[in-house]
Every structure is written in structure tokens, then in C-alpha cells.
Amino acid sequence: MPVDPAKLAALQKKSGAQSGGKGTPRRPGKKVAGRNISEDEKKLSATLKKFNAQEITGISEVNMFKEDGTVLHFPKVHVEGSVPANTFAISGPSQQKDIAELIPDILPQMGQDALLQLQQAAVQFSKLQEQAKKAAAAGGSDAAKEAGDDEIPNLVENFEDNVE
């Protein structure tokens, strides 16, 4: 059977534009590549329901201390938890802050380990200050002289008294 090439080209062009009709395959709609946040929240809430998690009231903020000295700070927080499953969910907007920014507010929240770590950091800092002053007095570099200009007083209070 002879095929006219012009007619064949016209049919191929037309079949690319054809979206429906008899004999054409049905194609599903395109799916969005990105995940929707509300879907994740629905899955999380369904999982928390399985654990019988209850909302924990009375928590106004949450601070998570990292080993690098920064704090993950949740100012407005929603906490759900299941004590038997040892599962807790913290949700809300978070900010990553330096521990120095939150010092006055978080002293009552800090544990014994964190207080000891803070005291050790203060001692190390004071030693560095003394070394910088000695280097500046001995005619050290300009950077050492500038470091000596920013005098920071030593910590004289015991933080453990404030915690109790």
C-alpha cells in the first residue's frame, strides 16, 4: 500500500496536538515535583495520633543547645508529646542564635553541664584577655593591642545560685 509522505507528515503533526477522542491514550496530569508542607503536617499529625500524643500546655519557648555553642530558639512553640512512647514533637518558627544573645533569659533553663561549660568558657576568655594584654605590653602586634582595648569584666557571680 503506497503512503503519501505529505499526508503522513500532516497526520503526525495533527496527532501531537490531539488531546482526546476515539483511540487516543489518556495521559494523567503532571504531578508537582515539590512536596507540600501541609501534606507533611498531615502525616505528622496522623503519626502523633497513633502514639496518642497530647498537647502540652504552659510551654512558652523552647531552646535547644548545640555543641557548637549556638542555640536553636523557638519563641512561639507548639509542643505535643506522648510519655509512654517517649515521643515529643516541637513545632513553630525557629531561629538560630548565639548563646551570648540569650544569656540573661536562659540562665534558669540551663542545666548543670551547660553552666559548667559556660564558666569554663569565661575562664578561657579571661586567660586569652590576659595573654593579649601581656603581648600588648611587650610590644606585640597591632591585633593584640586592639584585642586588649575591648575590656570585658570577669564573671564574679556564681550562676548555680540563680538556678536554685
N, C-alpha and C. Protein backbone atom coordinates (compact mmCIF):
# COMPACT_ATOMS: atom_id res chain seq x y z
N MET A 1 0.83 -1.15 0.00
CA MET A 1 0.00 0.00 0.00
C MET A 1 0.90 1.24 0.00
N PRO A 2 0.75 2.09 -0.98
CA PRO A 2 1.58 3.29 -1.07
C PRO A 2 1.11 4.36 -0.08
N VAL A 3 2.06 5.04 0.57
CA VAL A 3 1.75 6.08 1.56
C VAL A 3 2.29 7.41 1.06
N ASP A 4 1.42 8.38 1.07
CA ASP A 4 1.81 9.72 0.64
C ASP A 4 2.59 10.40 1.78
N PRO A 5 3.87 10.80 1.58
CA PRO A 5 4.66 11.39 2.67
C PRO A 5 4.08 12.70 3.20
N ALA A 6 3.45 13.49 2.36
CA ALA A 6 2.86 14.76 2.82
C ALA A 6 1.69 14.50 3.75
N LYS A 7 0.87 13.50 3.37
CA LYS A 7 -0.28 13.15 4.20
C LYS A 7 0.19 12.56 5.54
N LEU A 8 1.24 11.75 5.51
CA LEU A 8 1.79 11.15 6.72
C LEU A 8 2.33 12.23 7.66
N ALA A 9 3.03 13.22 7.12
CA ALA A 9 3.56 14.31 7.94
C ALA A 9 2.43 15.11 8.57
N ALA A 10 1.35 15.34 7.82
CA ALA A 10 0.20 16.09 8.35
C ALA A 10 -0.48 15.31 9.47
N LEU A 11 -0.61 14.00 9.33
CA LEU A 11 -1.23 13.17 10.37
C LEU A 11 -0.37 13.15 11.63
N GLN A 12 0.96 13.07 11.47
CA GLN A 12 1.84 13.07 12.64
C GLN A 12 1.77 14.40 13.38
N LYS A 13 1.71 15.49 12.60
CA LYS A 13 1.60 16.81 13.23
C LYS A 13 0.28 16.95 13.97
N LYS A 14 -0.78 16.47 13.39
CA LYS A 14 -2.11 16.54 13.99
C LYS A 14 -2.21 15.64 15.23
N SER A 15 -1.57 14.48 15.22
CA SER A 15 -1.67 13.55 16.35
C SER A 15 -0.94 14.10 17.57
N GLY A 16 0.11 14.91 17.38
CA GLY A 16 0.80 15.52 18.51
C GLY A 16 -0.08 16.53 19.22
N ALA A 17 -0.97 17.19 18.51
CA ALA A 17 -1.85 18.20 19.08
C ALA A 17 -3.15 17.61 19.59
N GLN A 18 -3.46 16.40 19.21
CA GLN A 18 -4.73 15.80 19.60
C GLN A 18 -4.69 15.41 21.07
N SER A 19 -5.69 15.87 21.83
CA SER A 19 -5.70 15.61 23.26
C SER A 19 -6.78 14.63 23.68
N GLY A 20 -7.68 14.31 22.83
CA GLY A 20 -8.73 13.38 23.21
C GLY A 20 -9.42 12.85 21.97
N GLY A 21 -10.35 11.99 22.18
CA GLY A 21 -11.08 11.43 21.06
C GLY A 21 -10.93 9.93 21.04
N LYS A 22 -11.51 9.34 20.01
CA LYS A 22 -11.51 7.89 19.91
C LYS A 22 -10.12 7.37 19.57
N GLY A 23 -9.64 6.43 20.36
CA GLY A 23 -8.39 5.76 20.05
C GLY A 23 -7.15 6.44 20.61
N THR A 24 -7.27 7.57 21.27
CA THR A 24 -6.07 8.22 21.82
C THR A 24 -5.88 7.78 23.27
N PRO A 25 -4.65 7.57 23.68
CA PRO A 25 -4.42 7.16 25.07
C PRO A 25 -4.66 8.33 26.03
N ARG A 26 -5.18 8.01 27.18
CA ARG A 26 -5.40 9.04 28.20
C ARG A 26 -4.13 9.19 29.01
N ARG A 27 -3.71 10.42 29.17
CA ARG A 27 -2.49 10.70 29.93
C ARG A 27 -2.87 11.37 31.25
N PRO A 28 -2.26 10.91 32.33
CA PRO A 28 -2.55 11.58 33.61
C PRO A 28 -1.93 12.98 33.64
N GLY A 29 -2.50 13.85 34.46
CA GLY A 29 -1.97 15.21 34.60
C GLY A 29 -0.59 15.19 35.22
N LYS A 30 0.16 16.25 34.96
CA LYS A 30 1.51 16.33 35.50
C LYS A 30 1.46 16.54 37.00
N LYS A 31 2.35 15.85 37.70
CA LYS A 31 2.42 15.98 39.15
C LYS A 31 3.44 17.05 39.50
N VAL A 32 3.17 17.75 40.57
CA VAL A 32 4.08 18.79 41.02
C VAL A 32 5.29 18.13 41.67
N ALA A 33 6.48 18.60 41.33
CA ALA A 33 7.71 17.98 41.82
C ALA A 33 7.94 18.24 43.30
N GLY A 34 7.65 19.46 43.79
CA GLY A 34 7.90 19.80 45.18
C GLY A 34 6.86 19.22 46.11
N ARG A 35 7.27 18.99 47.38
CA ARG A 35 6.33 18.46 48.36
C ARG A 35 5.61 19.60 49.04
N ASN A 36 4.40 19.36 49.37
CA ASN A 36 3.59 20.37 50.02
C ASN A 36 3.78 20.26 51.53
N ILE A 37 3.93 21.39 52.19
CA ILE A 37 4.16 21.40 53.64
C ILE A 37 2.93 20.87 54.38
N SER A 38 1.76 21.20 53.89
CA SER A 38 0.56 20.74 54.59
C SER A 38 0.44 19.22 54.55
N GLU A 39 0.94 18.59 53.49
CA GLU A 39 0.94 17.13 53.43
C GLU A 39 1.84 16.55 54.52
N ASP A 40 3.00 17.17 54.71
CA ASP A 40 3.91 16.70 55.76
C ASP A 40 3.28 16.86 57.14
N GLU A 41 2.60 17.98 57.34
CA GLU A 41 1.94 18.21 58.63
C GLU A 41 0.83 17.20 58.87
N LYS A 42 0.10 16.84 57.82
CA LYS A 42 -0.97 15.84 57.96
C LYS A 42 -0.38 14.48 58.33
N LYS A 43 0.73 14.13 57.70
CA LYS A 43 1.37 12.85 58.01
C LYS A 43 1.89 12.85 59.44
N LEU A 44 2.47 13.97 59.85
CA LEU A 44 2.99 14.08 61.22
C LEU A 44 1.86 13.98 62.23
N SER A 45 0.76 14.68 61.98
CA SER A 45 -0.35 14.63 62.93
C SER A 45 -0.97 13.24 62.98
N ALA A 46 -1.01 12.54 61.85
CA ALA A 46 -1.53 11.17 61.84
C ALA A 46 -0.63 10.25 62.66
N THR A 47 0.67 10.44 62.54
CA THR A 47 1.62 9.63 63.31
C THR A 47 1.50 9.92 64.80
N LEU A 48 1.35 11.20 65.14
CA LEU A 48 1.20 11.56 66.55
C LEU A 48 -0.10 11.01 67.13
N LYS A 49 -1.14 10.91 66.30
CA LYS A 49 -2.40 10.32 66.78
C LYS A 49 -2.21 8.84 67.11
N LYS A 50 -1.38 8.16 66.33
CA LYS A 50 -1.11 6.75 66.60
C LYS A 50 -0.44 6.58 67.96
N PHE A 51 0.42 7.54 68.33
CA PHE A 51 1.09 7.49 69.63
C PHE A 51 0.23 8.06 70.74
N ASN A 52 -0.96 8.54 70.42
CA ASN A 52 -1.87 9.17 71.38
C ASN A 52 -1.19 10.37 72.05
N ALA A 53 -0.58 11.22 71.23
CA ALA A 53 0.13 12.40 71.74
C ALA A 53 -0.87 13.48 72.12
N GLN A 54 -0.60 14.12 73.24
CA GLN A 54 -1.45 15.20 73.75
C GLN A 54 -0.67 16.50 73.71
N GLU A 55 -1.39 17.61 73.56
CA GLU A 55 -0.75 18.91 73.57
C GLU A 55 -0.28 19.23 74.99
N ILE A 56 0.93 19.70 75.10
CA ILE A 56 1.50 20.07 76.39
C ILE A 56 1.40 21.58 76.51
N THR A 57 0.63 22.04 77.47
CA THR A 57 0.42 23.47 77.63
C THR A 57 1.41 24.04 78.64
N GLY A 58 1.53 25.34 78.65
CA GLY A 58 2.39 26.00 79.61
C GLY A 58 3.83 26.17 79.16
N ILE A 59 4.13 25.80 77.94
CA ILE A 59 5.48 25.98 77.42
C ILE A 59 5.45 27.17 76.47
N SER A 60 6.17 28.22 76.84
CA SER A 60 6.12 29.44 76.03
C SER A 60 7.25 29.49 75.01
N GLU A 61 8.40 28.89 75.32
CA GLU A 61 9.51 28.88 74.37
C GLU A 61 10.36 27.64 74.61
N VAL A 62 11.11 27.26 73.57
CA VAL A 62 11.99 26.10 73.66
C VAL A 62 13.36 26.51 73.14
N ASN A 63 14.41 26.13 73.87
CA ASN A 63 15.78 26.37 73.45
C ASN A 63 16.51 25.04 73.39
N MET A 64 17.13 24.76 72.25
CA MET A 64 17.92 23.55 72.08
C MET A 64 19.38 23.97 71.93
N PHE A 65 20.21 23.53 72.86
CA PHE A 65 21.62 23.91 72.87
C PHE A 65 22.41 22.95 72.00
N LYS A 66 23.17 23.50 71.06
CA LYS A 66 24.01 22.69 70.18
C LYS A 66 25.43 22.66 70.73
N GLU A 67 26.21 21.71 70.27
CA GLU A 67 27.58 21.56 70.76
C GLU A 67 28.49 22.68 70.26
N ASP A 68 28.13 23.33 69.15
CA ASP A 68 28.98 24.39 68.62
C ASP A 68 28.75 25.73 69.29
N GLY A 69 27.92 25.77 70.33
CA GLY A 69 27.70 26.99 71.09
C GLY A 69 26.53 27.82 70.62
N THR A 70 25.81 27.36 69.62
CA THR A 70 24.62 28.07 69.17
C THR A 70 23.39 27.45 69.80
N VAL A 71 22.29 28.19 69.72
CA VAL A 71 21.04 27.75 70.33
C VAL A 71 19.96 27.79 69.27
N LEU A 72 19.17 26.73 69.16
CA LEU A 72 18.00 26.72 68.29
C LEU A 72 16.85 27.19 69.15
N HIS A 73 16.34 28.39 68.85
CA HIS A 73 15.38 29.08 69.71
C HIS A 73 14.01 29.08 69.03
N PHE A 74 13.00 28.56 69.73
CA PHE A 74 11.61 28.56 69.27
C PHE A 74 10.84 29.55 70.14
N PRO A 75 10.59 30.79 69.67
CA PRO A 75 9.91 31.77 70.53
C PRO A 75 8.42 31.47 70.73
N LYS A 76 7.73 31.03 69.70
CA LYS A 76 6.32 30.66 69.80
C LYS A 76 6.24 29.19 69.41
N VAL A 77 5.96 28.37 70.39
CA VAL A 77 6.11 26.93 70.17
C VAL A 77 4.82 26.19 70.47
N HIS A 78 4.65 25.08 69.77
CA HIS A 78 3.52 24.17 69.99
C HIS A 78 4.14 22.80 70.26
N VAL A 79 3.93 22.28 71.46
CA VAL A 79 4.56 21.02 71.86
C VAL A 79 3.49 19.96 72.06
N GLU A 80 3.71 18.80 71.44
CA GLU A 80 2.85 17.64 71.64
C GLU A 80 3.74 16.49 72.09
N GLY A 81 3.21 15.66 72.97
CA GLY A 81 4.04 14.58 73.46
C GLY A 81 3.26 13.38 73.93
N SER A 82 3.94 12.25 73.89
CA SER A 82 3.41 11.00 74.41
C SER A 82 4.48 10.42 75.32
N VAL A 83 4.22 10.46 76.62
CA VAL A 83 5.21 9.98 77.59
C VAL A 83 5.43 8.47 77.47
N PRO A 84 4.38 7.64 77.34
CA PRO A 84 4.63 6.20 77.22
C PRO A 84 5.47 5.83 75.99
N ALA A 85 5.30 6.58 74.89
CA ALA A 85 6.06 6.29 73.68
C ALA A 85 7.39 7.05 73.66
N ASN A 86 7.63 7.89 74.67
CA ASN A 86 8.84 8.71 74.75
C ASN A 86 9.03 9.51 73.46
N THR A 87 7.94 10.12 73.00
CA THR A 87 7.94 10.87 71.75
C THR A 87 7.38 12.25 71.98
N PHE A 88 8.12 13.25 71.51
CA PHE A 88 7.69 14.64 71.64
C PHE A 88 7.91 15.34 70.32
N ALA A 89 6.97 16.21 69.95
CA ALA A 89 7.07 16.97 68.71
C ALA A 89 7.02 18.45 69.05
N ILE A 90 8.00 19.18 68.56
CA ILE A 90 8.08 20.63 68.77
C ILE A 90 7.91 21.28 67.41
N SER A 91 6.92 22.16 67.29
CA SER A 91 6.71 22.83 66.02
C SER A 91 6.53 24.32 66.24
N GLY A 92 6.88 25.08 65.24
CA GLY A 92 6.79 26.53 65.30
C GLY A 92 7.98 27.15 64.60
N PRO A 93 7.96 28.46 64.45
CA PRO A 93 9.09 29.12 63.78
C PRO A 93 10.33 29.08 64.67
N SER A 94 11.47 28.78 64.06
CA SER A 94 12.71 28.67 64.84
C SER A 94 13.73 29.69 64.35
N GLN A 95 14.63 30.04 65.25
CA GLN A 95 15.72 30.95 64.94
C GLN A 95 17.00 30.34 65.50
N GLN A 96 18.09 30.49 64.76
CA GLN A 96 19.38 30.02 65.27
C GLN A 96 20.12 31.24 65.81
N LYS A 97 20.42 31.21 67.11
CA LYS A 97 21.05 32.35 67.76
C LYS A 97 22.31 31.91 68.48
N ASP A 98 23.16 32.89 68.75
CA ASP A 98 24.36 32.64 69.54
C ASP A 98 23.95 32.61 71.01
N ILE A 99 24.63 31.82 71.79
CA ILE A 99 24.26 31.68 73.20
C ILE A 99 24.41 33.00 73.95
N ALA A 100 25.31 33.86 73.49
CA ALA A 100 25.52 35.15 74.17
C ALA A 100 24.29 36.05 74.05
N GLU A 101 23.52 35.91 72.98
CA GLU A 101 22.32 36.73 72.79
C GLU A 101 21.23 36.38 73.81
N LEU A 102 21.22 35.14 74.27
CA LEU A 102 20.14 34.67 75.13
C LEU A 102 20.53 34.51 76.59
N ILE A 103 21.77 34.84 76.94
CA ILE A 103 22.30 34.57 78.29
C ILE A 103 21.38 35.03 79.42
N PRO A 104 20.95 36.28 79.50
CA PRO A 104 20.18 36.67 80.69
C PRO A 104 18.86 35.89 80.82
N ASP A 105 18.25 35.57 79.70
CA ASP A 105 16.94 34.92 79.74
C ASP A 105 17.02 33.42 79.98
N ILE A 106 18.12 32.78 79.60
CA ILE A 106 18.16 31.32 79.66
C ILE A 106 18.92 30.76 80.85
N LEU A 107 19.45 31.60 81.71
CA LEU A 107 20.18 31.07 82.87
C LEU A 107 19.34 30.13 83.72
N PRO A 108 18.07 30.44 83.99
CA PRO A 108 17.27 29.49 84.79
C PRO A 108 17.01 28.17 84.06
N GLN A 109 17.11 28.15 82.73
CA GLN A 109 16.81 26.95 81.96
C GLN A 109 18.01 26.04 81.80
N MET A 110 19.20 26.57 82.02
CA MET A 110 20.41 25.80 81.75
C MET A 110 20.64 24.74 82.81
N GLY A 111 21.13 23.60 82.37
CA GLY A 111 21.44 22.52 83.29
C GLY A 111 22.82 22.68 83.89
N GLN A 112 23.18 21.76 84.74
CA GLN A 112 24.46 21.82 85.44
C GLN A 112 25.63 21.75 84.46
N ASP A 113 25.53 20.88 83.45
CA ASP A 113 26.61 20.74 82.47
C ASP A 113 26.81 22.03 81.69
N ALA A 114 25.72 22.65 81.28
CA ALA A 114 25.82 23.88 80.49
C ALA A 114 26.41 25.01 81.33
N LEU A 115 26.06 25.06 82.61
CA LEU A 115 26.62 26.10 83.47
C LEU A 115 28.12 25.92 83.66
N LEU A 116 28.55 24.68 83.84
CA LEU A 116 29.98 24.42 83.96
C LEU A 116 30.71 24.78 82.68
N GLN A 117 30.10 24.46 81.56
CA GLN A 117 30.68 24.78 80.27
C GLN A 117 30.80 26.30 80.10
N LEU A 118 29.80 27.02 80.54
CA LEU A 118 29.80 28.48 80.46
C LEU A 118 30.89 29.07 81.35
N GLN A 119 31.05 28.52 82.54
CA GLN A 119 32.10 29.00 83.45
C GLN A 119 33.48 28.72 82.87
N GLN A 120 33.67 27.55 82.26
CA GLN A 120 34.95 27.23 81.65
C GLN A 120 35.25 28.17 80.49
N ALA A 121 34.24 28.49 79.71
CA ALA A 121 34.43 29.42 78.60
C ALA A 121 34.82 30.80 79.11
N ALA A 122 34.23 31.22 80.23
CA ALA A 122 34.56 32.52 80.82
C ALA A 122 36.01 32.53 81.31
N VAL A 123 36.46 31.44 81.92
CA VAL A 123 37.84 31.35 82.40
C VAL A 123 38.81 31.38 81.21
N GLN A 124 38.50 30.63 80.17
CA GLN A 124 39.36 30.62 78.99
C GLN A 124 39.42 32.01 78.35
N PHE A 125 38.29 32.68 78.31
CA PHE A 125 38.26 34.01 77.71
C PHE A 125 39.09 34.99 78.52
N SER A 126 39.00 34.89 79.85
CA SER A 126 39.80 35.80 80.68
C SER A 126 41.29 35.51 80.51
N LYS A 127 41.67 34.24 80.35
CA LYS A 127 43.08 33.91 80.10
C LYS A 127 43.55 34.50 78.77
N LEU A 128 42.69 34.42 77.76
CA LEU A 128 43.04 35.00 76.47
C LEU A 128 43.21 36.51 76.57
N GLN A 129 42.36 37.14 77.36
CA GLN A 129 42.46 38.59 77.57
C GLN A 129 43.79 38.94 78.24
N GLU A 130 44.17 38.17 79.25
CA GLU A 130 45.43 38.42 79.95
C GLU A 130 46.62 38.24 79.02
N GLN A 131 46.57 37.20 78.18
CA GLN A 131 47.66 36.97 77.23
C GLN A 131 47.75 38.11 76.22
N ALA A 132 46.60 38.61 75.79
CA ALA A 132 46.60 39.72 74.84
C ALA A 132 47.17 40.98 75.48
N LYS A 133 46.85 41.21 76.75
CA LYS A 133 47.39 42.38 77.45
C LYS A 133 48.90 42.26 77.61
N LYS A 134 49.38 41.06 77.94
CA LYS A 134 50.83 40.85 78.09
C LYS A 134 51.54 41.06 76.76
N ALA A 135 50.94 40.57 75.69
CA ALA A 135 51.54 40.73 74.37
C ALA A 135 51.55 42.21 73.97
N ALA A 136 50.50 42.93 74.32
CA ALA A 136 50.44 44.36 74.00
C ALA A 136 51.47 45.13 74.82
N ALA A 137 51.66 44.75 76.08
CA ALA A 137 52.64 45.43 76.93
C ALA A 137 54.07 45.13 76.48
N ALA A 138 54.28 43.95 75.94
CA ALA A 138 55.61 43.56 75.47
C ALA A 138 55.88 44.07 74.07
N GLY A 139 54.98 44.88 73.51
CA GLY A 139 55.18 45.41 72.16
C GLY A 139 54.77 44.42 71.10
N GLY A 140 53.68 43.75 71.32
CA GLY A 140 53.18 42.75 70.38
C GLY A 140 52.59 43.40 69.14
N SER A 141 51.91 42.62 68.37
CA SER A 141 51.33 43.10 67.12
C SER A 141 50.17 44.05 67.37
N ASP A 142 49.75 44.74 66.32
CA ASP A 142 48.62 45.67 66.42
C ASP A 142 47.33 44.95 66.77
N ALA A 143 47.18 43.73 66.27
CA ALA A 143 45.95 42.97 66.55
C ALA A 143 45.85 42.65 68.03
N ALA A 144 46.96 42.35 68.66
CA ALA A 144 46.95 42.06 70.09
C ALA A 144 46.63 43.31 70.88
N LYS A 145 47.12 44.46 70.41
CA LYS A 145 46.81 45.72 71.09
C LYS A 145 45.32 46.04 71.01
N GLU A 146 44.73 45.79 69.83
CA GLU A 146 43.30 46.06 69.66
C GLU A 146 42.47 45.12 70.52
N ALA A 147 42.90 43.87 70.67
CA ALA A 147 42.16 42.91 71.48
C ALA A 147 42.16 43.33 72.94
N GLY A 148 43.23 43.98 73.41
CA GLY A 148 43.31 44.44 74.78
C GLY A 148 42.42 45.64 75.05
N ASP A 149 42.03 46.39 74.01
CA ASP A 149 41.20 47.58 74.19
C ASP A 149 39.78 47.23 74.63
N ASP A 150 39.28 46.12 74.18
CA ASP A 150 37.91 45.72 74.50
C ASP A 150 37.90 45.00 75.83
N GLU A 151 37.94 45.75 76.90
CA GLU A 151 37.97 45.12 78.22
C GLU A 151 36.59 44.60 78.58
N ILE A 152 36.54 43.34 78.91
CA ILE A 152 35.29 42.71 79.33
C ILE A 152 35.50 42.25 80.76
N PRO A 153 34.62 42.65 81.66
CA PRO A 153 34.83 42.29 83.07
C PRO A 153 34.69 40.79 83.28
N ASN A 154 35.41 40.29 84.26
CA ASN A 154 35.34 38.88 84.61
C ASN A 154 34.03 38.59 85.33
N LEU A 155 33.54 37.37 85.16
CA LEU A 155 32.31 36.97 85.83
C LEU A 155 32.63 36.69 87.30
N VAL A 156 31.91 37.34 88.19
CA VAL A 156 32.18 37.18 89.61
C VAL A 156 31.05 36.48 90.35
N GLU A 157 29.89 36.38 89.71
CA GLU A 157 28.77 35.73 90.38
C GLU A 157 28.79 34.24 90.10
N ASN A 158 28.17 33.49 90.98
CA ASN A 158 28.04 32.06 90.80
C ASN A 158 26.66 31.82 90.19
N PHE A 159 26.61 31.27 88.99
CA PHE A 159 25.35 31.05 88.30
C PHE A 159 24.51 29.97 88.96
N GLU A 160 25.13 29.08 89.69
CA GLU A 160 24.39 27.99 90.32
C GLU A 160 23.41 28.52 91.36
N ASP A 161 23.74 29.64 92.00
CA ASP A 161 22.83 30.21 92.99
C ASP A 161 21.56 30.72 92.33
N ASN A 162 21.66 31.22 91.11
CA ASN A 162 20.50 31.74 90.40
C ASN A 162 19.57 30.63 89.94
N VAL A 163 20.12 29.46 89.65
CA VAL A 163 19.31 28.34 89.16
C VAL A 163 18.41 27.80 90.26
N GLU A 164 18.95 27.70 91.45
CA GLU A 164 18.18 27.11 92.54
C GLU A 164 17.16 28.09 92.98
